[in-house]
PDB file of N, CA and C in Angstrom:
ATOM      1  N   MET A   1       0.640  -1.318  -0.108  1.00  0.00           N
ATOM      2  CA  MET A   1      -0.075  -0.148  -0.101  1.00  0.00           C
ATOM      3  C   MET A   1       0.864   1.024   0.041  1.00  0.00           C
ATOM      4  N   SER A   2       1.748   1.353   1.048  1.00  0.00           N
ATOM      5  CA  SER A   2       2.458   2.674   0.971  1.00  0.00           C
ATOM      6  C   SER A   2       3.794   2.211   1.495  1.00  0.00           C
ATOM      7  N   ASP A   3       4.941   3.307   0.975  1.00  0.00           N
ATOM      8  CA  ASP A   3       6.009   2.594   0.838  1.00  0.00           C
ATOM      9  C   ASP A   3       6.890   3.594   2.238  1.00  0.00           C
ATOM     10  N   ARG A   4       6.152   3.782   2.997  1.00  0.00           N
ATOM     11  CA  ARG A   4       6.535   4.914   4.087  1.00  0.00           C
ATOM     12  C   ARG A   4       7.417   3.949   5.223  1.00  0.00           C
ATOM     13  N   GLU A   5       8.208   4.531   5.950  1.00  0.00           N
ATOM     14  CA  GLU A   5       8.923   3.757   6.983  1.00  0.00           C
ATOM     15  C   GLU A   5       8.036   3.697   7.958  1.00  0.00           C
ATOM     16  N   PRO A   6       8.260   2.458   8.860  1.00  0.00           N
ATOM     17  CA  PRO A   6       7.291   2.324  10.162  1.00  0.00           C
ATOM     18  C   PRO A   6       7.533   3.299  10.966  1.00  0.00           C
ATOM     19  N   ASP A   7       6.382   3.649  11.845  1.00  0.00           N
ATOM     20  CA  ASP A   7       6.632   4.567  12.916  1.00  0.00           C
ATOM     21  C   ASP A   7       7.655   3.743  14.040  1.00  0.00           C
ATOM     22  N   PRO A   8       8.773   4.336  14.346  1.00  0.00           N
ATOM     23  CA  PRO A   8       9.588   4.058  15.560  1.00  0.00           C
ATOM     24  C   PRO A   8       8.858   4.108  16.660  1.00  0.00           C
ATOM     25  N   ALA A   9       7.764   4.586  17.143  1.00  0.00           N
ATOM     26  CA  ALA A   9       7.202   4.804  18.455  1.00  0.00           C
ATOM     27  C   ALA A   9       5.932   3.808  18.353  1.00  0.00           C
ATOM     28  N   ALA A  10       5.733   3.054  17.524  1.00  0.00           N
ATOM     29  CA  ALA A  10       4.724   2.397  17.540  1.00  0.00           C
ATOM     30  C   ALA A  10       4.967   0.982  18.495  1.00  0.00           C
ATOM     31  N   ALA A  11       3.955   0.319  18.677  1.00  0.00           N
ATOM     32  CA  ALA A  11       4.555  -0.894  19.892  1.00  0.00           C
ATOM     33  C   ALA A  11       4.896  -1.924  19.252  1.00  0.00           C
ATOM     34  N   PRO A  12       5.844  -2.539  19.798  1.00  0.00           N
ATOM     35  CA  PRO A  12       6.600  -3.714  19.130  1.00  0.00           C
ATOM     36  C   PRO A  12       5.659  -4.727  18.702  1.00  0.00           C
ATOM     37  N   VAL A  13       5.960  -5.253  17.825  1.00  0.00           N
ATOM     38  CA  VAL A  13       5.635  -6.179  16.610  1.00  0.00           C
ATOM     39  C   VAL A  13       6.158  -7.297  16.945  1.00  0.00           C
ATOM     40  N   ALA A  14       5.527  -8.856  17.738  1.00  0.00           N
ATOM     41  CA  ALA A  14       5.978  -9.897  17.827  1.00  0.00           C
ATOM     42  C   ALA A  14       6.438 -10.432  16.703  1.00  0.00           C
ATOM     43  N   SER A  15       7.393 -11.346  16.573  1.00  0.00           N
ATOM     44  CA  SER A  15       7.578 -11.992  15.696  1.00  0.00           C
ATOM     45  C   SER A  15       7.354 -13.474  15.803  1.00  0.00           C
ATOM     46  N   ALA A  16       7.272 -14.364  14.841  1.00  0.00           N
ATOM     47  CA  ALA A  16       6.859 -15.729  15.048  1.00  0.00           C
ATOM     48  C   ALA A  16       7.644 -16.613  15.975  1.00  0.00           C
ATOM     49  N   ASP A  17       8.793 -16.398  16.222  1.00  0.00           N
ATOM     50  CA  ASP A  17       9.543 -16.868  17.249  1.00  0.00           C
ATOM     51  C   ASP A  17       9.252 -16.281  18.827  1.00  0.00           C
ATOM     52  N   GLY A  18       8.446 -15.420  18.941  1.00  0.00           N
ATOM     53  CA  GLY A  18       8.454 -15.020  20.089  1.00  0.00           C
ATOM     54  C   GLY A  18       9.337 -13.861  20.324  1.00  0.00           C
ATOM     55  N   GLY A  19      10.207 -13.281  19.616  1.00  0.00           N
ATOM     56  CA  GLY A  19      10.958 -12.351  19.758  1.00  0.00           C
ATOM     57  C   GLY A  19      10.329 -10.946  19.378  1.00  0.00           C
ATOM     58  N   VAL A  20      11.271  -9.760  19.303  1.00  0.00           N
ATOM     59  CA  VAL A  20      10.636  -8.515  18.824  1.00  0.00           C
ATOM     60  C   VAL A  20      11.075  -8.689  17.013  1.00  0.00           C
ATOM     61  N   ALA A  21      10.110  -8.019  16.320  1.00  0.00           N
ATOM     62  CA  ALA A  21      10.552  -7.697  14.953  1.00  0.00           C
ATOM     63  C   ALA A  21      11.795  -7.023  14.712  1.00  0.00           C
ATOM     64  N   PRO A  22      12.529  -7.156  13.667  1.00  0.00           N
ATOM     65  CA  PRO A  22      13.564  -6.071  13.700  1.00  0.00           C
ATOM     66  C   PRO A  22      13.286  -4.831  13.306  1.00  0.00           C
ATOM     67  N   GLY A  23      14.233  -3.751  14.011  1.00  0.00           N
ATOM     68  CA  GLY A  23      13.982  -2.389  13.444  1.00  0.00           C
ATOM     69  C   GLY A  23      12.885  -1.645  14.350  1.00  0.00           C
ATOM     70  N   VAL A  24      12.499  -2.615  15.394  1.00  0.00           N
ATOM     71  CA  VAL A  24      11.292  -2.227  16.130  1.00  0.00           C
ATOM     72  C   VAL A  24      12.172  -1.465  17.333  1.00  0.00           C
ATOM     73  N   ARG A  25      12.043  -0.409  17.746  1.00  0.00           N
ATOM     74  CA  ARG A  25      12.996   0.367  18.847  1.00  0.00           C
ATOM     75  C   ARG A  25      12.542  -0.112  20.150  1.00  0.00           C
ATOM     76  N   GLN A  26      13.751  -0.837  20.801  1.00  0.00           N
ATOM     77  CA  GLN A  26      13.123  -1.076  22.117  1.00  0.00           C
ATOM     78  C   GLN A  26      13.818  -0.110  23.388  1.00  0.00           C
ATOM     79  N   TYR A  27      13.307  -0.133  24.398  1.00  0.00           N
ATOM     80  CA  TYR A  27      14.078   0.655  25.603  1.00  0.00           C
ATOM     81  C   TYR A  27      14.305  -0.191  26.634  1.00  0.00           C
ATOM     82  N   GLU A  28      15.428   0.361  27.440  1.00  0.00           N
ATOM     83  CA  GLU A  28      15.911  -0.378  28.263  1.00  0.00           C
ATOM     84  C   GLU A  28      14.908  -0.263  29.763  1.00  0.00           C
ATOM     85  N   PRO A  29      14.666  -1.263  30.477  1.00  0.00           N
ATOM     86  CA  PRO A  29      13.825  -1.279  31.474  1.00  0.00           C
ATOM     87  C   PRO A  29      14.417  -0.365  32.520  1.00  0.00           C
ATOM     88  N   ALA A  30      13.224   0.521  33.276  1.00  0.00           N
ATOM     89  CA  ALA A  30      13.387   1.704  34.359  1.00  0.00           C
ATOM     90  C   ALA A  30      14.281   0.826  35.417  1.00  0.00           C
ATOM     91  N   PRO A  31      15.135   1.723  35.980  1.00  0.00           N
ATOM     92  CA  PRO A  31      16.124   1.340  36.933  1.00  0.00           C
ATOM     93  C   PRO A  31      15.269   0.899  37.962  1.00  0.00           C
ATOM     94  N   GLY A  32      15.686   0.106  38.904  1.00  0.00           N
ATOM     95  CA  GLY A  32      15.099  -0.443  40.051  1.00  0.00           C
ATOM     96  C   GLY A  32      15.136   0.903  41.133  1.00  0.00           C
ATOM     97  N   VAL A  33      14.222   0.227  42.386  1.00  0.00           N
ATOM     98  CA  VAL A  33      14.496   1.154  43.521  1.00  0.00           C
ATOM     99  C   VAL A  33      15.791   1.361  44.035  1.00  0.00           C
ATOM    100  N   GLY A  34      16.440   0.097  44.038  1.00  0.00           N
ATOM    101  CA  GLY A  34      17.727   0.256  44.866  1.00  0.00           C
ATOM    102  C   GLY A  34      18.574   1.075  44.204  1.00  0.00           C
ATOM    103  N   ARG A  35      18.784   0.941  42.923  1.00  0.00           N
ATOM    104  CA  ARG A  35      19.662   1.744  42.151  1.00  0.00           C
ATOM    105  C   ARG A  35      19.417   3.520  42.158  1.00  0.00           C
ATOM    106  N   LEU A  36      18.057   3.622  42.090  1.00  0.00           N
ATOM    107  CA  LEU A  36      17.466   5.121  42.235  1.00  0.00           C
ATOM    108  C   LEU A  36      18.083   5.608  43.724  1.00  0.00           C
ATOM    109  N   LEU A  37      17.938   4.780  44.799  1.00  0.00           N
ATOM    110  CA  LEU A  37      18.363   5.138  46.056  1.00  0.00           C
ATOM    111  C   LEU A  37      19.826   5.051  46.253  1.00  0.00           C
ATOM    112  N   ILE A  38      20.396   4.478  45.212  1.00  0.00           N
ATOM    113  CA  ILE A  38      21.802   4.881  45.423  1.00  0.00           C
ATOM    114  C   ILE A  38      22.275   6.210  44.732  1.00  0.00           C
ATOM    115  N   TRP A  39      21.637   6.625  43.823  1.00  0.00           N
ATOM    116  CA  TRP A  39      21.935   7.857  43.045  1.00  0.00           C
ATOM    117  C   TRP A  39      21.481   8.951  44.177  1.00  0.00           C
ATOM    118  N   VAL A  40      20.235   8.776  44.755  1.00  0.00           N
ATOM    119  CA  VAL A  40      19.914   9.841  45.639  1.00  0.00           C
ATOM    120  C   VAL A  40      20.993   9.825  46.685  1.00  0.00           C
ATOM    121  N   LEU A  41      21.156   9.040  47.394  1.00  0.00           N
ATOM    122  CA  LEU A  41      22.348   9.018  48.405  1.00  0.00           C
ATOM    123  C   LEU A  41      23.756   9.706  47.778  1.00  0.00           C
ATOM    124  N   LEU A  42      24.298   9.105  46.860  1.00  0.00           N
ATOM    125  CA  LEU A  42      25.400   9.937  46.063  1.00  0.00           C
ATOM    126  C   LEU A  42      25.177  11.468  45.738  1.00  0.00           C
ATOM    127  N   PHE A  43      23.838  11.659  45.468  1.00  0.00           N
ATOM    128  CA  PHE A  43      23.584  13.145  45.119  1.00  0.00           C
ATOM    129  C   PHE A  43      23.687  13.862  46.706  1.00  0.00           C
ATOM    130  N   VAL A  44      22.933  13.232  47.713  1.00  0.00           N
ATOM    131  CA  VAL A  44      23.105  13.945  49.012  1.00  0.00           C
ATOM    132  C   VAL A  44      24.295  14.301  49.754  1.00  0.00           C
ATOM    133  N   LEU A  45      25.121  12.986  49.519  1.00  0.00           N
ATOM    134  CA  LEU A  45      26.845  12.880  50.056  1.00  0.00           C
ATOM    135  C   LEU A  45      27.157  14.179  49.302  1.00  0.00           C
ATOM    136  N   ALA A  46      27.263  14.076  47.927  1.00  0.00           N
ATOM    137  CA  ALA A  46      27.930  15.356  47.230  1.00  0.00           C
ATOM    138  C   ALA A  46      27.528  16.727  47.777  1.00  0.00           C
ATOM    139  N   ALA A  47      26.152  16.832  47.915  1.00  0.00           N
ATOM    140  CA  ALA A  47      25.651  18.168  48.640  1.00  0.00           C
ATOM    141  C   ALA A  47      26.416  18.242  49.826  1.00  0.00           C
ATOM    142  N   VAL A  48      26.206  17.436  50.747  1.00  0.00           N
ATOM    143  CA  VAL A  48      26.940  17.723  52.327  1.00  0.00           C
ATOM    144  C   VAL A  48      28.373  17.843  52.099  1.00  0.00           C
ATOM    145  N   ALA A  49      28.901  17.186  51.035  1.00  0.00           N
ATOM    146  CA  ALA A  49      30.156  17.525  50.732  1.00  0.00           C
ATOM    147  C   ALA A  49      30.760  19.184  50.734  1.00  0.00           C
ATOM    148  N   VAL A  50      30.006  19.567  49.809  1.00  0.00           N
ATOM    149  CA  VAL A  50      30.037  21.013  49.197  1.00  0.00           C
ATOM    150  C   VAL A  50      29.950  21.713  50.343  1.00  0.00           C
ATOM    151  N   VAL A  51      28.943  21.575  51.181  1.00  0.00           N
ATOM    152  CA  VAL A  51      28.272  22.575  52.150  1.00  0.00           C
ATOM    153  C   VAL A  51      29.538  22.518  53.214  1.00  0.00           C
ATOM    154  N   LEU A  52      29.825  21.452  53.912  1.00  0.00           N
ATOM    155  CA  LEU A  52      31.015  21.317  54.663  1.00  0.00           C
ATOM    156  C   LEU A  52      32.293  22.105  54.320  1.00  0.00           C
ATOM    157  N   GLY A  53      32.569  21.873  52.863  1.00  0.00           N
ATOM    158  CA  GLY A  53      33.547  22.339  52.381  1.00  0.00           C
ATOM    159  C   GLY A  53      33.470  24.029  52.283  1.00  0.00           C
ATOM    160  N   GLY A  54      32.338  24.501  52.098  1.00  0.00           N
ATOM    161  CA  GLY A  54      32.070  25.952  52.152  1.00  0.00           C
ATOM    162  C   GLY A  54      32.362  26.162  53.345  1.00  0.00           C
ATOM    163  N   VAL A  55      31.704  25.592  54.348  1.00  0.00           N
ATOM    164  CA  VAL A  55      31.747  25.868  55.926  1.00  0.00           C
ATOM    165  C   VAL A  55      33.165  25.929  56.355  1.00  0.00           C
ATOM    166  N   TYR A  56      34.077  25.134  55.911  1.00  0.00           N
ATOM    167  CA  TYR A  56      35.371  24.839  56.452  1.00  0.00           C
ATOM    168  C   TYR A  56      36.365  25.927  55.727  1.00  0.00           C
ATOM    169  N   PHE A  57      36.063  26.282  54.549  1.00  0.00           N
ATOM    170  CA  PHE A  57      37.152  27.386  53.808  1.00  0.00           C
ATOM    171  C   PHE A  57      36.553  28.717  53.851  1.00  0.00           C
ATOM    172  N   THR A  58      35.613  28.848  55.016  1.00  0.00           N
ATOM    173  CA  THR A  58      35.109  30.532  55.003  1.00  0.00           C
ATOM    174  C   THR A  58      35.688  30.915  56.383  1.00  0.00           C
TER     175      THR A  58
END
Protein backbone atom coordinates (compact mmCIF):
# COMPACT_ATOMS: atom_id res chain seq x y z
CA MET A 1 0.00 0.00 0.00
CA SER A 2 2.45 2.62 1.21
CA ASP A 3 6.22 2.71 1.09
CA ARG A 4 6.57 4.92 4.19
CA GLU A 5 8.90 3.92 7.01
CA PRO A 6 7.23 2.26 10.00
CA ASP A 7 6.59 4.49 13.00
CA PRO A 8 9.50 3.93 15.44
CA ALA A 9 7.27 4.87 18.38
CA ALA A 10 4.74 2.17 17.52
CA ALA A 11 4.23 -0.75 19.84
CA PRO A 12 6.64 -3.66 19.30
CA VAL A 13 5.45 -6.32 16.92
CA ALA A 14 6.07 -9.87 18.09
CA SER A 15 7.65 -12.15 15.53
CA ALA A 16 6.76 -15.79 14.97
CA ASP A 17 9.55 -17.03 17.27
CA GLY A 18 8.35 -14.91 20.21
CA GLY A 19 11.00 -12.21 19.84
CA VAL A 20 10.53 -8.66 18.66
CA ALA A 21 10.54 -7.83 14.98
CA PRO A 22 13.81 -6.26 13.74
CA GLY A 23 13.88 -2.50 13.34
CA VAL A 24 11.49 -1.90 16.23
CA ARG A 25 12.87 0.43 18.89
CA GLN A 26 13.24 -1.15 22.31
CA TYR A 27 13.96 0.69 25.53
CA GLU A 28 15.86 -0.60 28.51
CA PRO A 29 13.79 -1.20 31.63
CA ALA A 30 13.44 1.49 34.27
CA PRO A 31 16.05 1.41 37.03
CA GLY A 32 15.13 -0.47 40.16
CA VAL A 33 14.35 1.21 43.47
CA GLY A 34 17.75 0.22 44.87
CA ARG A 35 19.66 1.88 42.05
CA LEU A 36 17.54 5.02 42.38
CA LEU A 37 18.24 5.09 46.13
CA ILE A 38 21.98 4.82 45.47
CA TRP A 39 21.85 7.84 43.12
CA VAL A 40 19.84 9.86 45.66
CA LEU A 41 22.29 9.02 48.44
CA LEU A 42 25.24 9.88 46.20
CA PHE A 43 23.65 13.26 45.38
CA VAL A 44 22.99 13.97 49.07
CA LEU A 45 26.56 12.99 49.99
CA ALA A 46 27.94 15.31 47.31
CA ALA A 47 25.71 18.16 48.55
CA VAL A 48 26.88 17.62 52.15
CA ALA A 49 30.51 17.62 50.98
CA VAL A 50 29.99 20.93 49.16
CA VAL A 51 28.31 22.52 52.18
CA LEU A 52 30.95 21.27 54.62
CA GLY A 53 33.72 22.40 52.26
CA GLY A 54 32.16 25.85 52.06
CA VAL A 55 31.90 26.08 55.84
CA TYR A 56 35.48 24.86 56.31
CA PHE A 57 37.02 27.29 53.79
CA THR A 58 35.19 30.39 55.07
